[in-house]
mmCIF file of all heavy atoms, coordinates in Angstrom:
data_MODEL
# 
_entry.id   MODEL 
# 
loop_
_atom_site.group_PDB 
_atom_site.id 
_atom_site.type_symbol 
_atom_site.label_atom_id 
_atom_site.label_alt_id 
_atom_site.label_comp_id 
_atom_site.label_asym_id 
_atom_site.label_entity_id 
_atom_site.label_seq_id 
_atom_site.pdbx_PDB_ins_code 
_atom_site.Cartn_x 
_atom_site.Cartn_y 
_atom_site.Cartn_z 
_atom_site.occupancy 
_atom_site.B_iso_or_equiv 
_atom_site.pdbx_formal_charge 
_atom_site.auth_seq_id 
_atom_site.auth_comp_id 
_atom_site.auth_asym_id 
_atom_site.auth_atom_id 
_atom_site.pdbx_PDB_model_num 
ATOM 1   N N   . ALA A 1 1  ? 50.462 -26.682 151.138 1.00 0.00 ? 1  ALA A N   1 
ATOM 2   C CA  . ALA A 1 1  ? 50.212 -28.107 150.751 1.00 0.00 ? 1  ALA A CA  1 
ATOM 3   C C   . ALA A 1 1  ? 50.623 -28.347 149.297 1.00 0.00 ? 1  ALA A C   1 
ATOM 4   O O   . ALA A 1 1  ? 50.963 -29.446 148.906 1.00 0.00 ? 1  ALA A O   1 
ATOM 5   C CB  . ALA A 1 1  ? 48.747 -28.428 150.964 1.00 0.00 ? 1  ALA A CB  1 
ATOM 6   N N   . LYS A 1 2  ? 50.556 -27.293 148.462 1.00 0.00 ? 2  LYS A N   1 
ATOM 7   C CA  . LYS A 1 2  ? 50.912 -27.389 147.071 1.00 0.00 ? 2  LYS A CA  1 
ATOM 8   C C   . LYS A 1 2  ? 52.351 -27.037 146.785 1.00 0.00 ? 2  LYS A C   1 
ATOM 9   O O   . LYS A 1 2  ? 52.838 -27.179 145.676 1.00 0.00 ? 2  LYS A O   1 
ATOM 10  C CB  . LYS A 1 2  ? 50.015 -26.528 146.218 1.00 0.00 ? 2  LYS A CB  1 
ATOM 11  C CG  . LYS A 1 2  ? 48.524 -26.788 146.356 1.00 0.00 ? 2  LYS A CG  1 
ATOM 12  C CD  . LYS A 1 2  ? 47.702 -25.734 145.579 1.00 0.00 ? 2  LYS A CD  1 
ATOM 13  C CE  . LYS A 1 2  ? 46.221 -25.963 145.753 1.00 0.00 ? 2  LYS A CE  1 
ATOM 14  N NZ  . LYS A 1 2  ? 45.464 -24.904 145.041 1.00 0.00 ? 2  LYS A NZ  1 
ATOM 15  N N   . ALA A 1 3  ? 53.036 -26.559 147.832 1.00 0.00 ? 3  ALA A N   1 
ATOM 16  C CA  . ALA A 1 3  ? 54.415 -26.086 147.634 1.00 0.00 ? 3  ALA A CA  1 
ATOM 17  C C   . ALA A 1 3  ? 55.407 -27.150 147.400 1.00 0.00 ? 3  ALA A C   1 
ATOM 18  O O   . ALA A 1 3  ? 55.343 -28.228 148.072 1.00 0.00 ? 3  ALA A O   1 
ATOM 19  C CB  . ALA A 1 3  ? 54.856 -25.258 148.876 1.00 0.00 ? 3  ALA A CB  1 
ATOM 20  N N   . PRO A 1 4  ? 56.291 -27.034 146.432 1.00 0.00 ? 4  PRO A N   1 
ATOM 21  C CA  . PRO A 1 4  ? 57.305 -28.062 146.219 1.00 0.00 ? 4  PRO A CA  1 
ATOM 22  C C   . PRO A 1 4  ? 58.316 -28.107 147.361 1.00 0.00 ? 4  PRO A C   1 
ATOM 23  O O   . PRO A 1 4  ? 58.577 -27.123 148.013 1.00 0.00 ? 4  PRO A O   1 
ATOM 24  C CB  . PRO A 1 4  ? 57.960 -27.594 144.889 1.00 0.00 ? 4  PRO A CB  1 
ATOM 25  C CG  . PRO A 1 4  ? 57.744 -26.104 144.883 1.00 0.00 ? 4  PRO A CG  1 
ATOM 26  C CD  . PRO A 1 4  ? 56.424 -25.910 145.504 1.00 0.00 ? 4  PRO A CD  1 
ATOM 27  N N   . LYS A 1 5  ? 58.943 -29.279 147.483 1.00 0.00 ? 5  LYS A N   1 
ATOM 28  C CA  . LYS A 1 5  ? 60.002 -29.430 148.468 1.00 0.00 ? 5  LYS A CA  1 
ATOM 29  C C   . LYS A 1 5  ? 61.240 -29.995 147.809 1.00 0.00 ? 5  LYS A C   1 
ATOM 30  O O   . LYS A 1 5  ? 61.124 -30.691 146.818 1.00 0.00 ? 5  LYS A O   1 
ATOM 31  C CB  . LYS A 1 5  ? 59.554 -30.359 149.624 1.00 0.00 ? 5  LYS A CB  1 
ATOM 32  C CG  . LYS A 1 5  ? 58.371 -29.788 150.408 1.00 0.00 ? 5  LYS A CG  1 
ATOM 33  C CD  . LYS A 1 5  ? 57.879 -30.768 151.478 1.00 0.00 ? 5  LYS A CD  1 
ATOM 34  C CE  . LYS A 1 5  ? 56.719 -30.156 152.288 1.00 0.00 ? 5  LYS A CE  1 
ATOM 35  N NZ  . LYS A 1 5  ? 55.598 -29.767 151.443 1.00 0.00 ? 5  LYS A NZ  1 
ATOM 36  N N   . ILE A 1 6  ? 62.381 -29.718 148.377 1.00 0.00 ? 6  ILE A N   1 
ATOM 37  C CA  . ILE A 1 6  ? 63.652 -30.187 147.766 1.00 0.00 ? 6  ILE A CA  1 
ATOM 38  C C   . ILE A 1 6  ? 63.969 -31.598 148.279 1.00 0.00 ? 6  ILE A C   1 
ATOM 39  O O   . ILE A 1 6  ? 63.956 -31.841 149.509 1.00 0.00 ? 6  ILE A O   1 
ATOM 40  C CB  . ILE A 1 6  ? 64.780 -29.225 148.112 1.00 0.00 ? 6  ILE A CB  1 
ATOM 41  C CG1 . ILE A 1 6  ? 64.529 -27.893 147.437 1.00 0.00 ? 6  ILE A CG1 1 
ATOM 42  C CG2 . ILE A 1 6  ? 66.096 -29.800 147.677 1.00 0.00 ? 6  ILE A CG2 1 
ATOM 43  C CD1 . ILE A 1 6  ? 65.548 -26.788 147.782 1.00 0.00 ? 6  ILE A CD1 1 
ATOM 44  N N   . VAL A 1 7  ? 64.202 -32.514 147.354 1.00 0.00 ? 7  VAL A N   1 
ATOM 45  C CA  . VAL A 1 7  ? 64.515 -33.872 147.657 1.00 0.00 ? 7  VAL A CA  1 
ATOM 46  C C   . VAL A 1 7  ? 66.019 -34.036 147.865 1.00 0.00 ? 7  VAL A C   1 
ATOM 47  O O   . VAL A 1 7  ? 66.500 -34.691 148.807 1.00 0.00 ? 7  VAL A O   1 
ATOM 48  C CB  . VAL A 1 7  ? 64.034 -34.835 146.553 1.00 0.00 ? 7  VAL A CB  1 
ATOM 49  C CG1 . VAL A 1 7  ? 64.496 -36.267 146.828 1.00 0.00 ? 7  VAL A CG1 1 
ATOM 50  C CG2 . VAL A 1 7  ? 62.531 -34.795 146.416 1.00 0.00 ? 7  VAL A CG2 1 
ATOM 51  N N   . ARG A 1 8  ? 66.826 -33.454 146.973 1.00 0.00 ? 8  ARG A N   1 
ATOM 52  C CA  . ARG A 1 8  ? 68.266 -33.497 147.072 1.00 0.00 ? 8  ARG A CA  1 
ATOM 53  C C   . ARG A 1 8  ? 68.862 -32.289 146.395 1.00 0.00 ? 8  ARG A C   1 
ATOM 54  O O   . ARG A 1 8  ? 68.243 -31.648 145.545 1.00 0.00 ? 8  ARG A O   1 
ATOM 55  C CB  . ARG A 1 8  ? 68.821 -34.776 146.471 1.00 0.00 ? 8  ARG A CB  1 
ATOM 56  C CG  . ARG A 1 8  ? 68.681 -34.890 144.975 1.00 0.00 ? 8  ARG A CG  1 
ATOM 57  C CD  . ARG A 1 8  ? 69.282 -36.149 144.389 1.00 0.00 ? 8  ARG A CD  1 
ATOM 58  N NE  . ARG A 1 8  ? 69.055 -36.225 142.938 1.00 0.00 ? 8  ARG A NE  1 
ATOM 59  C CZ  . ARG A 1 8  ? 69.803 -35.661 142.022 1.00 0.00 ? 8  ARG A CZ  1 
ATOM 60  N NH1 . ARG A 1 8  ? 70.914 -35.019 142.360 1.00 0.00 ? 8  ARG A NH1 1 
ATOM 61  N NH2 . ARG A 1 8  ? 69.513 -35.778 140.721 1.00 0.00 ? 8  ARG A NH2 1 
ATOM 62  N N   . MET A 1 9  ? 70.112 -32.025 146.788 1.00 0.00 ? 9  MET A N   1 
ATOM 63  C CA  . MET A 1 9  ? 70.805 -30.881 146.201 1.00 0.00 ? 9  MET A CA  1 
ATOM 64  C C   . MET A 1 9  ? 72.274 -31.243 146.055 1.00 0.00 ? 9  MET A C   1 
ATOM 65  O O   . MET A 1 9  ? 72.855 -31.808 146.977 1.00 0.00 ? 9  MET A O   1 
ATOM 66  C CB  . MET A 1 9  ? 70.658 -29.641 147.093 1.00 0.00 ? 9  MET A CB  1 
ATOM 67  C CG  . MET A 1 9  ? 71.215 -28.368 146.481 1.00 0.00 ? 9  MET A CG  1 
ATOM 68  S SD  . MET A 1 9  ? 71.009 -26.990 147.613 1.00 0.00 ? 9  MET A SD  1 
ATOM 69  C CE  . MET A 1 9  ? 69.209 -26.977 147.877 1.00 0.00 ? 9  MET A CE  1 
ATOM 70  N N   . ILE A 1 10 ? 72.848 -30.926 144.914 1.00 0.00 ? 10 ILE A N   1 
ATOM 71  C CA  . ILE A 1 10 ? 74.273 -31.149 144.670 1.00 0.00 ? 10 ILE A CA  1 
ATOM 72  C C   . ILE A 1 10 ? 74.906 -29.795 144.252 1.00 0.00 ? 10 ILE A C   1 
ATOM 73  O O   . ILE A 1 10 ? 74.497 -29.211 143.226 1.00 0.00 ? 10 ILE A O   1 
ATOM 74  C CB  . ILE A 1 10 ? 74.557 -32.181 143.542 1.00 0.00 ? 10 ILE A CB  1 
ATOM 75  C CG1 . ILE A 1 10 ? 73.935 -33.514 143.944 1.00 0.00 ? 10 ILE A CG1 1 
ATOM 76  C CG2 . ILE A 1 10 ? 76.047 -32.317 143.321 1.00 0.00 ? 10 ILE A CG2 1 
ATOM 77  C CD1 . ILE A 1 10 ? 74.053 -34.555 142.799 1.00 0.00 ? 10 ILE A CD1 1 
ATOM 78  N N   . PRO A 1 11 ? 75.798 -29.224 145.106 1.00 0.00 ? 11 PRO A N   1 
ATOM 79  C CA  . PRO A 1 11 ? 76.278 -29.812 146.383 1.00 0.00 ? 11 PRO A CA  1 
ATOM 80  C C   . PRO A 1 11 ? 75.228 -29.680 147.491 1.00 0.00 ? 11 PRO A C   1 
ATOM 81  O O   . PRO A 1 11 ? 74.299 -28.905 147.351 1.00 0.00 ? 11 PRO A O   1 
ATOM 82  C CB  . PRO A 1 11 ? 77.517 -28.906 146.673 1.00 0.00 ? 11 PRO A CB  1 
ATOM 83  C CG  . PRO A 1 11 ? 77.166 -27.609 146.072 1.00 0.00 ? 11 PRO A CG  1 
ATOM 84  C CD  . PRO A 1 11 ? 76.428 -27.949 144.791 1.00 0.00 ? 11 PRO A CD  1 
ATOM 85  N N   . ALA A 1 12 ? 75.402 -30.478 148.534 1.00 0.00 ? 12 ALA A N   1 
ATOM 86  C CA  . ALA A 1 12 ? 74.457 -30.372 149.667 1.00 0.00 ? 12 ALA A CA  1 
ATOM 87  C C   . ALA A 1 12 ? 74.542 -29.014 150.315 1.00 0.00 ? 12 ALA A C   1 
ATOM 88  O O   . ALA A 1 12 ? 75.626 -28.412 150.412 1.00 0.00 ? 12 ALA A O   1 
ATOM 89  C CB  . ALA A 1 12 ? 74.790 -31.502 150.667 1.00 0.00 ? 12 ALA A CB  1 
ATOM 90  N N   . ASN A 1 13 ? 73.409 -28.543 150.724 1.00 0.00 ? 13 ASN A N   1 
ATOM 91  C CA  . ASN A 1 13 ? 73.384 -27.214 151.363 1.00 0.00 ? 13 ASN A CA  1 
ATOM 92  C C   . ASN A 1 13 ? 74.213 -27.215 152.650 1.00 0.00 ? 13 ASN A C   1 
ATOM 93  O O   . ASN A 1 13 ? 74.040 -28.107 153.470 1.00 0.00 ? 13 ASN A O   1 
ATOM 94  C CB  . ASN A 1 13 ? 71.922 -26.893 151.678 1.00 0.00 ? 13 ASN A CB  1 
ATOM 95  C CG  . ASN A 1 13 ? 71.724 -25.365 151.905 1.00 0.00 ? 13 ASN A CG  1 
ATOM 96  O OD1 . ASN A 1 13 ? 72.705 -24.605 151.938 1.00 0.00 ? 13 ASN A OD1 1 
ATOM 97  N ND2 . ASN A 1 13 ? 70.497 -24.973 152.138 1.00 0.00 ? 13 ASN A ND2 1 
ATOM 98  N N   . GLY A 1 14 ? 75.149 -26.324 152.771 1.00 0.00 ? 14 GLY A N   1 
ATOM 99  C CA  . GLY A 1 14 ? 75.980 -26.239 153.924 1.00 0.00 ? 14 GLY A CA  1 
ATOM 100 C C   . GLY A 1 14 ? 77.282 -27.013 153.792 1.00 0.00 ? 14 GLY A C   1 
ATOM 101 O O   . GLY A 1 14 ? 78.127 -26.940 154.726 1.00 0.00 ? 14 GLY A O   1 
ATOM 102 N N   . ASP A 1 15 ? 77.464 -27.772 152.748 1.00 0.00 ? 15 ASP A N   1 
ATOM 103 C CA  . ASP A 1 15 ? 78.707 -28.542 152.601 1.00 0.00 ? 15 ASP A CA  1 
ATOM 104 C C   . ASP A 1 15 ? 79.958 -27.617 152.557 1.00 0.00 ? 15 ASP A C   1 
ATOM 105 O O   . ASP A 1 15 ? 80.000 -26.616 151.779 1.00 0.00 ? 15 ASP A O   1 
ATOM 106 C CB  . ASP A 1 15 ? 78.632 -29.304 151.244 1.00 0.00 ? 15 ASP A CB  1 
ATOM 107 C CG  . ASP A 1 15 ? 79.735 -30.355 151.099 1.00 0.00 ? 15 ASP A CG  1 
ATOM 108 O OD1 . ASP A 1 15 ? 80.742 -30.304 151.859 1.00 0.00 ? 15 ASP A OD1 1 
ATOM 109 O OD2 . ASP A 1 15 ? 79.570 -31.246 150.188 1.00 0.00 ? 15 ASP A OD2 1 
ATOM 110 N N   . GLN A 1 16 ? 80.934 -27.947 153.396 1.00 0.00 ? 16 GLN A N   1 
ATOM 111 C CA  . GLN A 1 16 ? 82.121 -27.128 153.518 1.00 0.00 ? 16 GLN A CA  1 
ATOM 112 C C   . GLN A 1 16 ? 83.335 -27.716 152.752 1.00 0.00 ? 16 GLN A C   1 
ATOM 113 O O   . GLN A 1 16 ? 84.439 -27.205 152.843 1.00 0.00 ? 16 GLN A O   1 
ATOM 114 C CB  . GLN A 1 16 ? 82.482 -26.921 154.972 1.00 0.00 ? 16 GLN A CB  1 
ATOM 115 C CG  . GLN A 1 16 ? 81.398 -26.186 155.763 1.00 0.00 ? 16 GLN A CG  1 
ATOM 116 C CD  . GLN A 1 16 ? 81.248 -24.742 155.287 1.00 0.00 ? 16 GLN A CD  1 
ATOM 117 O OE1 . GLN A 1 16 ? 82.146 -23.933 155.380 1.00 0.00 ? 16 GLN A OE1 1 
ATOM 118 N NE2 . GLN A 1 16 ? 80.026 -24.472 154.767 1.00 0.00 ? 16 GLN A NE2 1 
ATOM 119 N N   . GLU A 1 17 ? 83.111 -28.846 152.086 1.00 0.00 ? 17 GLU A N   1 
ATOM 120 C CA  . GLU A 1 17 ? 84.197 -29.520 151.370 1.00 0.00 ? 17 GLU A CA  1 
ATOM 121 C C   . GLU A 1 17 ? 83.802 -29.834 149.902 1.00 0.00 ? 17 GLU A C   1 
ATOM 122 O O   . GLU A 1 17 ? 83.993 -30.900 149.420 1.00 0.00 ? 17 GLU A O   1 
ATOM 123 C CB  . GLU A 1 17 ? 84.574 -30.819 152.076 1.00 0.00 ? 17 GLU A CB  1 
ATOM 124 C CG  . GLU A 1 17 ? 85.252 -30.582 153.405 1.00 0.00 ? 17 GLU A CG  1 
ATOM 125 C CD  . GLU A 1 17 ? 86.650 -30.042 153.268 1.00 0.00 ? 17 GLU A CD  1 
ATOM 126 O OE1 . GLU A 1 17 ? 87.309 -30.363 152.240 1.00 0.00 ? 17 GLU A OE1 1 
ATOM 127 O OE2 . GLU A 1 17 ? 87.130 -29.345 154.155 1.00 0.00 ? 17 GLU A OE2 1 
ATOM 128 N N   . VAL A 1 18 ? 83.247 -28.853 149.229 1.00 0.00 ? 18 VAL A N   1 
ATOM 129 C CA  . VAL A 1 18 ? 82.804 -29.076 147.866 1.00 0.00 ? 18 VAL A CA  1 
ATOM 130 C C   . VAL A 1 18 ? 83.982 -29.084 146.901 1.00 0.00 ? 18 VAL A C   1 
ATOM 131 O O   . VAL A 1 18 ? 84.882 -28.306 147.002 1.00 0.00 ? 18 VAL A O   1 
ATOM 132 C CB  . VAL A 1 18 ? 81.767 -27.946 147.482 1.00 0.00 ? 18 VAL A CB  1 
ATOM 133 C CG1 . VAL A 1 18 ? 81.391 -28.130 145.990 1.00 0.00 ? 18 VAL A CG1 1 
ATOM 134 C CG2 . VAL A 1 18 ? 80.538 -27.985 148.363 1.00 0.00 ? 18 VAL A CG2 1 
ATOM 135 N N   . ASP A 1 19 ? 83.960 -30.027 145.991 1.00 0.00 ? 19 ASP A N   1 
ATOM 136 C CA  . ASP A 1 19 ? 84.973 -30.135 144.965 1.00 0.00 ? 19 ASP A CA  1 
ATOM 137 C C   . ASP A 1 19 ? 84.934 -28.890 144.095 1.00 0.00 ? 19 ASP A C   1 
ATOM 138 O O   . ASP A 1 19 ? 83.906 -28.656 143.425 1.00 0.00 ? 19 ASP A O   1 
ATOM 139 C CB  . ASP A 1 19 ? 84.766 -31.388 144.136 1.00 0.00 ? 19 ASP A CB  1 
ATOM 140 C CG  . ASP A 1 19 ? 85.827 -31.595 143.064 1.00 0.00 ? 19 ASP A CG  1 
ATOM 141 O OD1 . ASP A 1 19 ? 86.732 -30.770 142.925 1.00 0.00 ? 19 ASP A OD1 1 
ATOM 142 O OD2 . ASP A 1 19 ? 85.694 -32.607 142.328 1.00 0.00 ? 19 ASP A OD2 1 
ATOM 143 N N   . PRO A 1 20 ? 86.012 -28.136 143.999 1.00 0.00 ? 20 PRO A N   1 
ATOM 144 C CA  . PRO A 1 20 ? 85.998 -26.909 143.135 1.00 0.00 ? 20 PRO A CA  1 
ATOM 145 C C   . PRO A 1 20 ? 85.857 -27.265 141.650 1.00 0.00 ? 20 PRO A C   1 
ATOM 146 O O   . PRO A 1 20 ? 85.562 -26.410 140.851 1.00 0.00 ? 20 PRO A O   1 
ATOM 147 C CB  . PRO A 1 20 ? 87.324 -26.239 143.444 1.00 0.00 ? 20 PRO A CB  1 
ATOM 148 C CG  . PRO A 1 20 ? 88.204 -27.312 143.949 1.00 0.00 ? 20 PRO A CG  1 
ATOM 149 C CD  . PRO A 1 20 ? 87.297 -28.219 144.698 1.00 0.00 ? 20 PRO A CD  1 
ATOM 150 N N   . GLY A 1 21 ? 86.056 -28.534 141.303 1.00 0.00 ? 21 GLY A N   1 
ATOM 151 C CA  . GLY A 1 21 ? 85.906 -28.963 139.925 1.00 0.00 ? 21 GLY A CA  1 
ATOM 152 C C   . GLY A 1 21 ? 84.466 -29.279 139.551 1.00 0.00 ? 21 GLY A C   1 
ATOM 153 O O   . GLY A 1 21 ? 84.182 -29.628 138.386 1.00 0.00 ? 21 GLY A O   1 
ATOM 154 N N   . LEU A 1 22 ? 83.541 -29.140 140.529 1.00 0.00 ? 22 LEU A N   1 
ATOM 155 C CA  . LEU A 1 22 ? 82.104 -29.430 140.222 1.00 0.00 ? 22 LEU A CA  1 
ATOM 156 C C   . LEU A 1 22 ? 81.657 -28.455 139.161 1.00 0.00 ? 22 LEU A C   1 
ATOM 157 O O   . LEU A 1 22 ? 81.889 -27.248 139.233 1.00 0.00 ? 22 LEU A O   1 
ATOM 158 C CB  . LEU A 1 22 ? 81.297 -29.197 141.518 1.00 0.00 ? 22 LEU A CB  1 
ATOM 159 C CG  . LEU A 1 22 ? 79.837 -29.534 141.433 1.00 0.00 ? 22 LEU A CG  1 
ATOM 160 C CD1 . LEU A 1 22 ? 79.646 -31.060 141.337 1.00 0.00 ? 22 LEU A CD1 1 
ATOM 161 C CD2 . LEU A 1 22 ? 79.073 -29.023 142.657 1.00 0.00 ? 22 LEU A CD2 1 
ATOM 162 N N   . THR A 1 23 ? 80.958 -28.945 138.159 1.00 0.00 ? 23 THR A N   1 
ATOM 163 C CA  . THR A 1 23 ? 80.606 -28.123 137.001 1.00 0.00 ? 23 THR A CA  1 
ATOM 164 C C   . THR A 1 23 ? 79.108 -27.723 136.953 1.00 0.00 ? 23 THR A C   1 
ATOM 165 O O   . THR A 1 23 ? 78.696 -27.035 136.054 1.00 0.00 ? 23 THR A O   1 
ATOM 166 C CB  . THR A 1 23 ? 80.983 -28.805 135.702 1.00 0.00 ? 23 THR A CB  1 
ATOM 167 O OG1 . THR A 1 23 ? 80.277 -30.074 135.594 1.00 0.00 ? 23 THR A OG1 1 
ATOM 168 C CG2 . THR A 1 23 ? 82.514 -29.029 135.607 1.00 0.00 ? 23 THR A CG2 1 
ATOM 169 N N   . LYS A 1 24 ? 78.333 -28.275 137.884 1.00 0.00 ? 24 LYS A N   1 
ATOM 170 C CA  . LYS A 1 24 ? 76.945 -27.956 137.846 1.00 0.00 ? 24 LYS A CA  1 
ATOM 171 C C   . LYS A 1 24 ? 76.293 -28.072 139.235 1.00 0.00 ? 24 LYS A C   1 
ATOM 172 O O   . LYS A 1 24 ? 76.688 -28.868 140.030 1.00 0.00 ? 24 LYS A O   1 
ATOM 173 C CB  . LYS A 1 24 ? 76.174 -28.826 136.819 1.00 0.00 ? 24 LYS A CB  1 
ATOM 174 C CG  . LYS A 1 24 ? 76.287 -30.308 137.141 1.00 0.00 ? 24 LYS A CG  1 
ATOM 175 C CD  . LYS A 1 24 ? 75.652 -31.139 136.000 1.00 0.00 ? 24 LYS A CD  1 
ATOM 176 C CE  . LYS A 1 24 ? 75.810 -32.619 136.292 1.00 0.00 ? 24 LYS A CE  1 
ATOM 177 N NZ  . LYS A 1 24 ? 75.168 -33.453 135.190 1.00 0.00 ? 24 LYS A NZ  1 
ATOM 178 N N   . ILE A 1 25 ? 75.315 -27.218 139.452 1.00 0.00 ? 25 ILE A N   1 
ATOM 179 C CA  . ILE A 1 25 ? 74.479 -27.299 140.630 1.00 0.00 ? 25 ILE A CA  1 
ATOM 180 C C   . ILE A 1 25 ? 73.159 -27.932 140.244 1.00 0.00 ? 25 ILE A C   1 
ATOM 181 O O   . ILE A 1 25 ? 72.506 -27.452 139.302 1.00 0.00 ? 25 ILE A O   1 
ATOM 182 C CB  . ILE A 1 25 ? 74.249 -25.920 141.260 1.00 0.00 ? 25 ILE A CB  1 
ATOM 183 C CG1 . ILE A 1 25 ? 75.576 -25.375 141.798 1.00 0.00 ? 25 ILE A CG1 1 
ATOM 184 C CG2 . ILE A 1 25 ? 73.223 -25.933 142.388 1.00 0.00 ? 25 ILE A CG2 1 
ATOM 185 C CD1 . ILE A 1 25 ? 75.491 -23.927 142.262 1.00 0.00 ? 25 ILE A CD1 1 
ATOM 186 N N   . GLU A 1 26 ? 72.779 -28.977 140.961 1.00 0.00 ? 26 GLU A N   1 
ATOM 187 C CA  . GLU A 1 26 ? 71.515 -29.695 140.646 1.00 0.00 ? 26 GLU A CA  1 
ATOM 188 C C   . GLU A 1 26 ? 70.611 -29.676 141.816 1.00 0.00 ? 26 GLU A C   1 
ATOM 189 O O   . GLU A 1 26 ? 71.067 -29.854 143.001 1.00 0.00 ? 26 GLU A O   1 
ATOM 190 C CB  . GLU A 1 26 ? 71.822 -31.146 140.265 1.00 0.00 ? 26 GLU A CB  1 
ATOM 191 C CG  . GLU A 1 26 ? 72.395 -31.360 138.900 1.00 0.00 ? 26 GLU A CG  1 
ATOM 192 C CD  . GLU A 1 26 ? 72.462 -32.835 138.511 1.00 0.00 ? 26 GLU A CD  1 
ATOM 193 O OE1 . GLU A 1 26 ? 72.144 -33.697 139.399 1.00 0.00 ? 26 GLU A OE1 1 
ATOM 194 O OE2 . GLU A 1 26 ? 72.805 -33.139 137.367 1.00 0.00 ? 26 GLU A OE2 1 
ATOM 195 N N   . ILE A 1 27 ? 69.310 -29.451 141.568 1.00 0.00 ? 27 ILE A N   1 
ATOM 196 C CA  . ILE A 1 27 ? 68.301 -29.496 142.621 1.00 0.00 ? 27 ILE A CA  1 
ATOM 197 C C   . ILE A 1 27 ? 67.172 -30.282 142.153 1.00 0.00 ? 27 ILE A C   1 
ATOM 198 O O   . ILE A 1 27 ? 66.603 -30.072 141.069 1.00 0.00 ? 27 ILE A O   1 
ATOM 199 C CB  . ILE A 1 27 ? 67.857 -28.037 142.926 1.00 0.00 ? 27 ILE A CB  1 
ATOM 200 C CG1 . ILE A 1 27 ? 69.018 -27.153 143.379 1.00 0.00 ? 27 ILE A CG1 1 
ATOM 201 C CG2 . ILE A 1 27 ? 66.769 -28.069 144.010 1.00 0.00 ? 27 ILE A CG2 1 
ATOM 202 C CD1 . ILE A 1 27 ? 68.744 -25.702 143.320 1.00 0.00 ? 27 ILE A CD1 1 
ATOM 203 N N   . GLU A 1 28 ? 66.767 -31.318 142.951 1.00 0.00 ? 28 GLU A N   1 
ATOM 204 C CA  . GLU A 1 28 ? 65.650 -32.185 142.608 1.00 0.00 ? 28 GLU A CA  1 
ATOM 205 C C   . GLU A 1 28 ? 64.474 -31.863 143.539 1.00 0.00 ? 28 GLU A C   1 
ATOM 206 O O   . GLU A 1 28 ? 64.614 -31.752 144.760 1.00 0.00 ? 28 GLU A O   1 
ATOM 207 C CB  . GLU A 1 28 ? 66.028 -33.632 142.759 1.00 0.00 ? 28 GLU A CB  1 
ATOM 208 C CG  . GLU A 1 28 ? 64.892 -34.597 142.369 1.00 0.00 ? 28 GLU A CG  1 
ATOM 209 C CD  . GLU A 1 28 ? 65.293 -36.059 142.490 1.00 0.00 ? 28 GLU A CD  1 
ATOM 210 O OE1 . GLU A 1 28 ? 66.437 -36.367 142.781 1.00 0.00 ? 28 GLU A OE1 1 
ATOM 211 O OE2 . GLU A 1 28 ? 64.388 -36.900 142.337 1.00 0.00 ? 28 GLU A OE2 1 
# 
């Protein structure tokens, strides 16, 4: 009940078309 959950992720988990120019991984 106290455990955090992921709202969004960049890139999205499982994405097979990620831009190789992406410079950061973000997790909210």
